């Protein structure tokens, strides 16, 4: 049996629960250790994770009861470091005539590096999209210009390049 297929069968994809916040904080902190080369740049707080979970805007992946990844929308967390994404979302809203409330931003996906390349990101993203399809028609994220791995993963799961930024590029995903 092909390893990727076997990994998909063994992985449990589900909505996150409040009881899993401490594990999410640890994984988020590990992902924020560097902000390029496949790592995160938004460090979410306990309060932010509580809001995200309450809004059902996060999916997680477990393997043998170990949290190995998550996918989320951070729009409703009031994180200061989402300011530029909020401004870009407002610009897109005006330009494409999409209500700002229908644009989700603060998108973040992280898979433990030892489990990458097995299709888990796609499964997490598909589950997240099924959760939010009635709330958003478009998603927005930023990816550090030097983060080739993240760009490759995002494009593979359907994101489109939107615009260059100074440090990061903007990508959009249209929810159908």
N, C-alpha and C. Protein backbone atom coordinates (compact mmCIF):
# COMPACT_ATOMS: atom_id res chain seq x y z
N UNK A 1 0.86 -1.18 0.00
CA UNK A 1 0.00 0.00 0.00
C UNK A 1 0.90 1.24 0.00
N UNK A 2 0.62 2.17 -0.87
CA UNK A 2 1.41 3.39 -0.97
C UNK A 2 1.36 4.14 0.37
N UNK A 3 2.51 4.68 0.84
CA UNK A 3 2.60 5.33 2.14
C UNK A 3 1.61 6.48 2.27
N UNK A 4 1.53 7.34 1.23
CA UNK A 4 0.62 8.50 1.30
C UNK A 4 -0.81 8.03 1.52
N UNK A 5 -1.24 7.02 0.79
CA UNK A 5 -2.61 6.50 0.93
C UNK A 5 -2.81 5.92 2.33
N UNK A 6 -1.83 5.17 2.81
CA UNK A 6 -1.91 4.59 4.14
C UNK A 6 -2.00 5.69 5.19
N UNK A 7 -1.20 6.76 5.04
CA UNK A 7 -1.22 7.88 5.98
C UNK A 7 -2.62 8.52 6.02
N UNK A 8 -3.23 8.69 4.86
CA UNK A 8 -4.56 9.28 4.80
C UNK A 8 -5.58 8.42 5.53
N UNK A 9 -5.46 7.10 5.40
CA UNK A 9 -6.39 6.19 6.08
C UNK A 9 -6.24 6.25 7.59
N UNK A 10 -5.02 6.42 8.06
CA UNK A 10 -4.74 6.40 9.49
C UNK A 10 -4.97 7.74 10.18
N UNK A 11 -5.02 8.81 9.41
CA UNK A 11 -5.14 10.15 9.97
C UNK A 11 -6.60 10.48 10.28
N UNK A 12 -6.82 11.05 11.45
CA UNK A 12 -8.15 11.47 11.86
C UNK A 12 -8.28 12.98 11.65
N UNK A 13 -9.15 13.41 10.72
CA UNK A 13 -9.40 14.83 10.45
C UNK A 13 -10.71 15.21 11.11
N UNK A 14 -10.70 16.25 11.91
CA UNK A 14 -11.93 16.64 12.62
C UNK A 14 -11.87 18.11 13.01
N UNK A 15 -12.99 18.63 13.51
CA UNK A 15 -13.03 19.98 14.05
C UNK A 15 -12.31 19.97 15.40
N UNK A 16 -11.60 21.05 15.69
CA UNK A 16 -10.91 21.16 16.97
C UNK A 16 -11.91 21.42 18.09
N UNK A 17 -11.52 21.04 19.29
CA UNK A 17 -12.34 21.25 20.48
C UNK A 17 -11.56 22.10 21.49
N UNK A 18 -12.28 22.77 22.37
CA UNK A 18 -11.67 23.65 23.37
C UNK A 18 -10.62 22.88 24.19
N UNK A 19 -10.87 21.63 24.48
CA UNK A 19 -9.94 20.83 25.29
C UNK A 19 -8.59 20.61 24.60
N UNK A 20 -8.49 20.94 23.32
CA UNK A 20 -7.25 20.72 22.56
C UNK A 20 -6.40 21.98 22.41
N UNK A 21 -6.80 23.07 23.07
CA UNK A 21 -6.09 24.34 22.91
C UNK A 21 -4.62 24.25 23.32
N UNK A 22 -4.31 23.60 24.41
CA UNK A 22 -2.90 23.55 24.84
C UNK A 22 -2.03 22.86 23.79
N UNK A 23 -2.55 21.82 23.15
CA UNK A 23 -1.80 21.15 22.08
C UNK A 23 -1.67 22.06 20.86
N UNK A 24 -2.72 22.80 20.54
CA UNK A 24 -2.69 23.73 19.41
C UNK A 24 -1.66 24.83 19.65
N UNK A 25 -1.62 25.35 20.87
CA UNK A 25 -0.64 26.39 21.21
C UNK A 25 0.79 25.89 21.02
N UNK A 26 1.06 24.65 21.43
CA UNK A 26 2.40 24.08 21.27
C UNK A 26 2.76 23.91 19.80
N UNK A 27 1.82 23.40 19.01
CA UNK A 27 2.10 23.19 17.59
C UNK A 27 2.27 24.53 16.87
N UNK A 28 1.43 25.52 17.24
CA UNK A 28 1.54 26.85 16.65
C UNK A 28 2.89 27.48 17.01
N UNK A 29 3.31 27.34 18.26
CA UNK A 29 4.60 27.89 18.69
C UNK A 29 5.75 27.23 17.94
N UNK A 30 5.68 25.92 17.76
CA UNK A 30 6.72 25.20 17.02
C UNK A 30 6.76 25.69 15.57
N UNK A 31 5.59 25.94 14.99
CA UNK A 31 5.52 26.42 13.61
C UNK A 31 6.01 27.84 13.45
N UNK A 32 5.94 28.62 14.50
CA UNK A 32 6.37 30.03 14.44
C UNK A 32 7.85 30.21 14.75
N UNK A 33 8.55 29.12 15.00
CA UNK A 33 9.98 29.21 15.31
C UNK A 33 10.74 29.94 14.22
N UNK A 34 10.34 29.75 12.98
CA UNK A 34 10.88 30.48 11.83
C UNK A 34 9.68 30.89 11.00
N UNK A 35 9.78 32.00 10.31
CA UNK A 35 8.64 32.45 9.51
C UNK A 35 8.81 32.20 8.02
N UNK A 36 9.80 31.40 7.64
CA UNK A 36 9.96 31.03 6.24
C UNK A 36 10.23 29.53 6.14
N UNK A 37 10.33 29.05 4.90
CA UNK A 37 10.64 27.64 4.65
C UNK A 37 9.61 26.69 5.28
N UNK A 38 8.34 26.99 5.10
CA UNK A 38 7.30 26.08 5.56
C UNK A 38 6.84 26.31 6.97
N UNK A 39 7.20 27.43 7.58
CA UNK A 39 6.78 27.70 8.94
C UNK A 39 5.86 28.91 9.00
N UNK A 40 5.25 29.10 10.15
CA UNK A 40 4.20 30.10 10.32
C UNK A 40 4.76 31.44 10.79
N UNK A 41 3.95 32.48 10.60
CA UNK A 41 4.37 33.78 11.11
C UNK A 41 3.34 34.39 12.06
N UNK A 42 2.17 33.79 12.20
CA UNK A 42 1.15 34.32 13.11
C UNK A 42 1.07 33.41 14.33
N UNK A 43 1.41 33.96 15.46
CA UNK A 43 1.39 33.23 16.71
C UNK A 43 0.05 33.53 17.40
N UNK A 44 -0.86 32.58 17.38
CA UNK A 44 -2.19 32.79 17.96
C UNK A 44 -2.18 32.54 19.46
N UNK A 45 -2.97 33.33 20.18
CA UNK A 45 -3.08 33.22 21.64
C UNK A 45 -4.15 32.19 22.01
N UNK A 46 -4.22 31.89 23.30
CA UNK A 46 -5.24 30.97 23.80
C UNK A 46 -6.63 31.52 23.50
N UNK A 47 -6.81 32.81 23.76
CA UNK A 47 -8.10 33.47 23.49
C UNK A 47 -8.46 33.39 22.00
N UNK A 48 -7.46 33.60 21.15
CA UNK A 48 -7.70 33.52 19.70
C UNK A 48 -8.13 32.12 19.30
N UNK A 49 -7.45 31.10 19.82
CA UNK A 49 -7.85 29.72 19.50
C UNK A 49 -9.26 29.43 20.01
N UNK A 50 -9.62 29.98 21.17
CA UNK A 50 -10.98 29.77 21.68
C UNK A 50 -12.02 30.34 20.70
N UNK A 51 -11.77 31.54 20.19
CA UNK A 51 -12.69 32.15 19.23
C UNK A 51 -12.77 31.34 17.93
N UNK A 52 -11.61 30.93 17.45
CA UNK A 52 -11.56 30.16 16.19
C UNK A 52 -12.33 28.85 16.34
N UNK A 53 -12.13 28.17 17.47
CA UNK A 53 -12.83 26.91 17.72
C UNK A 53 -14.33 27.15 17.85
N UNK A 54 -14.72 28.19 18.57
CA UNK A 54 -16.15 28.51 18.74
C UNK A 54 -16.84 28.79 17.40
N UNK A 55 -16.10 29.37 16.48
CA UNK A 55 -16.65 29.67 15.14
C UNK A 55 -16.54 28.49 14.18
N UNK A 56 -16.00 27.39 14.64
CA UNK A 56 -15.76 26.19 13.81
C UNK A 56 -14.95 26.54 12.57
N UNK A 57 -13.90 27.34 12.80
CA UNK A 57 -13.02 27.77 11.71
C UNK A 57 -11.62 27.17 11.87
N UNK A 58 -11.58 25.96 12.40
CA UNK A 58 -10.32 25.23 12.52
C UNK A 58 -10.58 23.73 12.42
N UNK A 59 -9.74 23.07 11.64
CA UNK A 59 -9.77 21.61 11.58
C UNK A 59 -8.39 21.11 11.99
N UNK A 60 -8.37 19.92 12.58
CA UNK A 60 -7.11 19.36 13.05
C UNK A 60 -6.92 17.95 12.50
N UNK A 61 -5.68 17.51 12.56
CA UNK A 61 -5.34 16.15 12.15
C UNK A 61 -4.61 15.47 13.29
N UNK A 62 -5.04 14.26 13.57
CA UNK A 62 -4.39 13.45 14.60
C UNK A 62 -3.94 12.13 13.98
N UNK A 63 -2.82 11.65 14.45
CA UNK A 63 -2.33 10.33 14.07
C UNK A 63 -1.90 9.66 15.36
N UNK A 64 -2.52 8.51 15.65
CA UNK A 64 -2.24 7.80 16.91
C UNK A 64 -2.38 8.74 18.11
N UNK A 65 -3.44 9.52 18.10
CA UNK A 65 -3.78 10.46 19.17
C UNK A 65 -2.83 11.65 19.30
N UNK A 66 -1.89 11.81 18.37
CA UNK A 66 -0.96 12.94 18.40
C UNK A 66 -1.45 14.00 17.41
N UNK A 67 -1.52 15.26 17.87
CA UNK A 67 -1.88 16.37 16.99
C UNK A 67 -0.72 16.60 16.03
N UNK A 68 -0.99 16.45 14.71
CA UNK A 68 0.09 16.59 13.72
C UNK A 68 -0.15 17.74 12.75
N UNK A 69 -1.31 18.40 12.84
CA UNK A 69 -1.55 19.52 11.94
C UNK A 69 -2.87 20.20 12.20
N UNK A 70 -2.98 21.42 11.65
CA UNK A 70 -4.24 22.15 11.73
C UNK A 70 -4.35 23.12 10.56
N UNK A 71 -5.58 23.57 10.34
CA UNK A 71 -5.90 24.53 9.28
C UNK A 71 -6.96 25.46 9.85
N UNK A 72 -6.77 26.77 9.73
CA UNK A 72 -7.70 27.70 10.38
C UNK A 72 -7.87 29.00 9.61
N UNK A 73 -8.94 29.71 9.99
CA UNK A 73 -9.20 31.09 9.56
C UNK A 73 -9.15 31.94 10.83
N UNK A 74 -8.28 32.94 10.86
CA UNK A 74 -8.09 33.74 12.06
C UNK A 74 -8.76 35.10 12.03
N UNK A 75 -9.62 35.33 11.06
CA UNK A 75 -10.24 36.65 10.85
C UNK A 75 -10.88 37.22 12.12
N UNK A 76 -11.58 36.43 12.87
CA UNK A 76 -12.36 36.91 13.99
C UNK A 76 -11.62 36.91 15.32
N UNK A 77 -10.30 36.96 15.28
CA UNK A 77 -9.49 36.88 16.50
C UNK A 77 -8.96 38.22 16.99
N UNK A 78 -9.07 39.26 16.18
CA UNK A 78 -8.52 40.57 16.53
C UNK A 78 -7.01 40.56 16.72
N UNK A 79 -6.32 39.66 16.03
CA UNK A 79 -4.86 39.61 16.09
C UNK A 79 -4.31 40.86 15.38
N UNK A 80 -3.43 41.58 16.04
CA UNK A 80 -2.83 42.79 15.46
C UNK A 80 -2.08 42.50 14.18
N UNK A 81 -1.43 41.32 14.11
CA UNK A 81 -0.62 41.01 12.94
C UNK A 81 -1.45 40.58 11.73
N UNK A 82 -2.77 40.69 11.82
CA UNK A 82 -3.64 40.46 10.66
C UNK A 82 -4.08 41.77 10.01
N UNK A 83 -3.55 42.88 10.50
CA UNK A 83 -3.96 44.21 10.02
C UNK A 83 -3.83 44.34 8.50
N UNK A 84 -2.68 43.96 7.96
CA UNK A 84 -2.46 44.13 6.52
C UNK A 84 -3.35 43.20 5.69
N UNK A 85 -3.63 42.03 6.22
CA UNK A 85 -4.56 41.14 5.52
C UNK A 85 -5.98 41.73 5.54
N UNK A 86 -6.34 42.36 6.64
CA UNK A 86 -7.66 43.00 6.74
C UNK A 86 -7.77 44.12 5.71
N UNK A 87 -6.74 44.94 5.60
CA UNK A 87 -6.73 46.03 4.62
C UNK A 87 -6.84 45.48 3.20
N UNK A 88 -6.06 44.41 2.91
CA UNK A 88 -6.10 43.80 1.59
C UNK A 88 -7.49 43.20 1.32
N UNK A 89 -8.10 42.61 2.32
CA UNK A 89 -9.45 42.04 2.17
C UNK A 89 -10.45 43.15 1.84
N UNK A 90 -10.30 44.32 2.46
CA UNK A 90 -11.19 45.45 2.17
C UNK A 90 -11.00 45.92 0.73
N UNK A 91 -9.74 45.96 0.26
CA UNK A 91 -9.47 46.34 -1.14
C UNK A 91 -10.11 45.35 -2.10
N UNK A 92 -9.96 44.06 -1.83
CA UNK A 92 -10.54 43.03 -2.68
C UNK A 92 -12.06 43.13 -2.68
N UNK A 93 -12.61 43.40 -1.51
CA UNK A 93 -14.06 43.55 -1.37
C UNK A 93 -14.59 44.63 -2.30
N UNK A 94 -13.92 45.79 -2.29
CA UNK A 94 -14.35 46.90 -3.16
C UNK A 94 -14.15 46.57 -4.63
N UNK A 95 -12.98 46.03 -4.96
CA UNK A 95 -12.65 45.77 -6.35
C UNK A 95 -13.52 44.68 -6.98
N UNK A 96 -13.76 43.62 -6.25
CA UNK A 96 -14.53 42.50 -6.80
C UNK A 96 -16.00 42.52 -6.42
N UNK A 97 -16.38 43.56 -5.67
CA UNK A 97 -17.76 43.73 -5.21
C UNK A 97 -18.26 42.52 -4.44
N UNK A 98 -17.43 42.09 -3.51
CA UNK A 98 -17.77 41.00 -2.59
C UNK A 98 -17.88 41.62 -1.21
N UNK A 99 -18.97 41.39 -0.48
CA UNK A 99 -19.06 41.94 0.88
C UNK A 99 -17.87 41.49 1.73
N UNK A 100 -17.31 42.41 2.50
CA UNK A 100 -16.13 42.12 3.31
C UNK A 100 -16.39 40.95 4.26
N UNK A 101 -17.63 40.81 4.71
CA UNK A 101 -17.96 39.72 5.63
C UNK A 101 -17.83 38.35 4.96
N UNK A 102 -17.77 38.31 3.63
CA UNK A 102 -17.64 37.05 2.90
C UNK A 102 -16.18 36.70 2.56
N UNK A 103 -15.25 37.51 3.02
CA UNK A 103 -13.83 37.24 2.77
C UNK A 103 -13.17 36.83 4.08
N UNK A 104 -12.72 35.59 4.12
CA UNK A 104 -12.00 35.09 5.29
C UNK A 104 -10.52 35.34 5.12
N UNK A 105 -9.87 35.84 6.14
CA UNK A 105 -8.42 36.05 6.09
C UNK A 105 -7.80 35.55 7.39
N UNK A 106 -6.49 35.59 7.44
CA UNK A 106 -5.80 35.01 8.59
C UNK A 106 -5.70 33.50 8.44
N UNK A 107 -5.75 33.03 7.18
CA UNK A 107 -5.67 31.59 6.92
C UNK A 107 -4.29 31.08 7.32
N UNK A 108 -4.29 29.95 7.98
CA UNK A 108 -3.03 29.34 8.39
C UNK A 108 -3.18 27.82 8.34
N UNK A 109 -2.18 27.19 7.78
CA UNK A 109 -2.15 25.72 7.77
C UNK A 109 -0.75 25.30 8.21
N UNK A 110 -0.72 24.31 9.09
CA UNK A 110 0.58 23.82 9.54
C UNK A 110 0.50 22.31 9.75
N UNK A 111 1.47 21.61 9.17
CA UNK A 111 1.61 20.17 9.34
C UNK A 111 2.99 19.93 9.95
N UNK A 112 3.04 19.12 10.97
CA UNK A 112 4.33 18.73 11.56
C UNK A 112 5.25 18.29 10.42
N UNK A 113 6.46 18.85 10.33
CA UNK A 113 7.35 18.55 9.20
C UNK A 113 7.56 17.06 8.92
N UNK A 114 7.52 16.23 9.95
CA UNK A 114 7.75 14.80 9.72
C UNK A 114 6.56 14.10 9.06
N UNK A 115 5.43 14.81 8.92
CA UNK A 115 4.24 14.22 8.29
C UNK A 115 3.85 14.93 6.99
N UNK A 116 4.67 15.85 6.53
CA UNK A 116 4.36 16.59 5.31
C UNK A 116 4.52 15.71 4.07
N UNK A 117 3.81 16.09 3.01
CA UNK A 117 3.91 15.38 1.74
C UNK A 117 3.03 14.16 1.65
N UNK A 118 2.05 14.04 2.55
CA UNK A 118 1.16 12.88 2.56
C UNK A 118 -0.30 13.22 2.27
N UNK A 119 -0.57 14.45 1.82
CA UNK A 119 -1.93 14.83 1.48
C UNK A 119 -2.77 15.31 2.65
N UNK A 120 -2.16 15.45 3.82
CA UNK A 120 -2.91 15.87 5.01
C UNK A 120 -3.39 17.31 4.88
N UNK A 121 -2.57 18.18 4.29
CA UNK A 121 -2.96 19.59 4.12
C UNK A 121 -4.25 19.67 3.31
N UNK A 122 -4.33 18.92 2.24
CA UNK A 122 -5.54 18.92 1.41
C UNK A 122 -6.77 18.45 2.20
N UNK A 123 -6.61 17.38 2.97
CA UNK A 123 -7.74 16.87 3.76
C UNK A 123 -8.20 17.89 4.80
N UNK A 124 -7.25 18.53 5.48
CA UNK A 124 -7.60 19.57 6.45
C UNK A 124 -8.33 20.72 5.78
N UNK A 125 -7.81 21.15 4.64
CA UNK A 125 -8.39 22.28 3.93
C UNK A 125 -9.79 21.95 3.42
N UNK A 126 -9.99 20.76 2.89
CA UNK A 126 -11.32 20.37 2.40
C UNK A 126 -12.34 20.35 3.54
N UNK A 127 -11.94 19.83 4.70
CA UNK A 127 -12.83 19.80 5.87
C UNK A 127 -13.13 21.23 6.33
N UNK A 128 -12.13 22.09 6.37
CA UNK A 128 -12.35 23.48 6.76
C UNK A 128 -13.32 24.15 5.80
N UNK A 129 -13.12 23.96 4.50
CA UNK A 129 -14.01 24.59 3.50
C UNK A 129 -15.44 24.12 3.66
N UNK A 130 -15.64 22.85 4.00
CA UNK A 130 -17.01 22.38 4.21
C UNK A 130 -17.64 23.03 5.45
N UNK A 131 -16.82 23.38 6.43
CA UNK A 131 -17.32 24.06 7.64
C UNK A 131 -17.72 25.51 7.36
N UNK A 132 -16.98 26.18 6.48
CA UNK A 132 -17.13 27.64 6.32
C UNK A 132 -17.83 28.06 5.03
N UNK A 133 -18.21 27.12 4.19
CA UNK A 133 -18.74 27.47 2.87
C UNK A 133 -19.99 28.36 2.93
N UNK A 134 -20.73 28.34 4.02
CA UNK A 134 -21.91 29.21 4.14
C UNK A 134 -21.56 30.59 4.69
N UNK A 135 -20.31 30.77 5.15
CA UNK A 135 -19.90 32.04 5.74
C UNK A 135 -19.02 32.88 4.82
N UNK A 136 -18.20 32.23 4.01
CA UNK A 136 -17.25 32.93 3.16
C UNK A 136 -17.36 32.47 1.71
N UNK A 137 -17.13 33.41 0.79
CA UNK A 137 -17.06 33.04 -0.62
C UNK A 137 -15.62 33.09 -1.12
N UNK A 138 -14.74 33.69 -0.32
CA UNK A 138 -13.33 33.80 -0.71
C UNK A 138 -12.45 33.81 0.54
N UNK A 139 -11.25 33.24 0.38
CA UNK A 139 -10.26 33.26 1.44
C UNK A 139 -9.03 34.01 0.95
N UNK A 140 -8.32 34.63 1.88
CA UNK A 140 -7.12 35.40 1.58
C UNK A 140 -6.02 34.97 2.55
N UNK A 141 -4.82 34.81 2.02
CA UNK A 141 -3.68 34.54 2.91
C UNK A 141 -2.44 35.22 2.36
N UNK A 142 -1.45 35.34 3.21
CA UNK A 142 -0.14 35.84 2.79
C UNK A 142 0.86 34.71 2.95
N UNK A 143 1.82 34.69 2.04
CA UNK A 143 2.91 33.71 2.12
C UNK A 143 4.21 34.45 1.92
N UNK A 144 5.13 34.28 2.85
CA UNK A 144 6.45 34.90 2.75
C UNK A 144 7.06 34.58 1.40
N UNK A 145 7.61 35.59 0.74
CA UNK A 145 8.17 35.43 -0.60
C UNK A 145 9.19 34.30 -0.69
N UNK A 146 9.93 34.06 0.38
CA UNK A 146 10.97 33.03 0.39
C UNK A 146 10.44 31.63 0.71
N UNK A 147 9.18 31.53 1.05
CA UNK A 147 8.61 30.25 1.50
C UNK A 147 8.08 29.45 0.30
N UNK A 148 8.99 28.86 -0.44
CA UNK A 148 8.63 28.10 -1.65
C UNK A 148 7.75 26.90 -1.33
N UNK A 149 8.01 26.24 -0.22
CA UNK A 149 7.24 25.06 0.15
C UNK A 149 5.76 25.40 0.34
N UNK A 150 5.50 26.47 1.10
CA UNK A 150 4.12 26.87 1.35
C UNK A 150 3.42 27.30 0.06
N UNK A 151 4.12 28.02 -0.80
CA UNK A 151 3.53 28.42 -2.09
C UNK A 151 3.13 27.19 -2.89
N UNK A 152 4.00 26.20 -2.92
CA UNK A 152 3.73 24.97 -3.66
C UNK A 152 2.49 24.25 -3.11
N UNK A 153 2.40 24.12 -1.79
CA UNK A 153 1.27 23.45 -1.15
C UNK A 153 -0.03 24.22 -1.43
N UNK A 154 -0.01 25.53 -1.25
CA UNK A 154 -1.21 26.33 -1.47
C UNK A 154 -1.70 26.20 -2.92
N UNK A 155 -0.80 26.30 -3.87
CA UNK A 155 -1.18 26.16 -5.28
C UNK A 155 -1.74 24.78 -5.56
N UNK A 156 -1.15 23.77 -4.95
CA UNK A 156 -1.60 22.39 -5.16
C UNK A 156 -3.03 22.17 -4.67
N UNK A 157 -3.43 22.88 -3.61
CA UNK A 157 -4.79 22.69 -3.09
C UNK A 157 -5.77 23.74 -3.62
N UNK A 158 -5.33 24.55 -4.61
CA UNK A 158 -6.27 25.41 -5.32
C UNK A 158 -6.17 26.90 -5.11
N UNK A 159 -5.22 27.36 -4.33
CA UNK A 159 -5.04 28.80 -4.13
C UNK A 159 -4.44 29.41 -5.39
N UNK A 160 -4.77 30.68 -5.63
CA UNK A 160 -4.24 31.42 -6.78
C UNK A 160 -3.46 32.63 -6.31
N UNK A 161 -2.34 32.90 -6.99
CA UNK A 161 -1.57 34.10 -6.70
C UNK A 161 -2.46 35.30 -6.99
N UNK A 162 -2.45 36.28 -6.08
CA UNK A 162 -3.27 37.48 -6.28
C UNK A 162 -2.41 38.72 -6.50
N UNK A 163 -1.44 38.97 -5.60
CA UNK A 163 -0.67 40.20 -5.68
C UNK A 163 0.64 40.08 -4.88
N UNK A 164 1.67 40.74 -5.41
CA UNK A 164 2.94 40.79 -4.69
C UNK A 164 2.86 41.82 -3.57
N UNK A 165 3.52 41.51 -2.47
CA UNK A 165 3.66 42.45 -1.37
C UNK A 165 5.14 42.69 -1.12
N UNK A 166 5.47 43.52 -0.14
CA UNK A 166 6.87 43.81 0.15
C UNK A 166 7.61 42.60 0.71
N UNK A 167 7.02 41.94 1.69
CA UNK A 167 7.64 40.79 2.34
C UNK A 167 6.93 39.49 1.95
N UNK A 168 5.63 39.58 1.85
CA UNK A 168 4.82 38.41 1.54
C UNK A 168 3.95 38.67 0.31
N UNK A 169 3.57 37.59 -0.36
CA UNK A 169 2.65 37.68 -1.48
C UNK A 169 1.25 37.28 -1.02
N UNK A 170 0.25 37.81 -1.70
CA UNK A 170 -1.14 37.52 -1.36
C UNK A 170 -1.68 36.45 -2.29
N UNK A 171 -2.41 35.51 -1.70
CA UNK A 171 -3.06 34.44 -2.44
C UNK A 171 -4.54 34.42 -2.06
N UNK A 172 -5.38 34.03 -3.02
CA UNK A 172 -6.81 33.92 -2.77
C UNK A 172 -7.31 32.53 -3.16
N UNK A 173 -8.40 32.16 -2.51
CA UNK A 173 -9.07 30.89 -2.82
C UNK A 173 -10.55 31.19 -2.91
N UNK A 174 -11.17 30.83 -4.02
CA UNK A 174 -12.60 31.04 -4.21
C UNK A 174 -13.34 29.79 -3.78
N UNK A 175 -14.21 29.93 -2.82
CA UNK A 175 -14.99 28.80 -2.31
C UNK A 175 -16.21 28.63 -3.22
N UNK A 176 -16.35 27.42 -3.75
CA UNK A 176 -17.49 27.17 -4.66
C UNK A 176 -18.51 26.28 -4.01
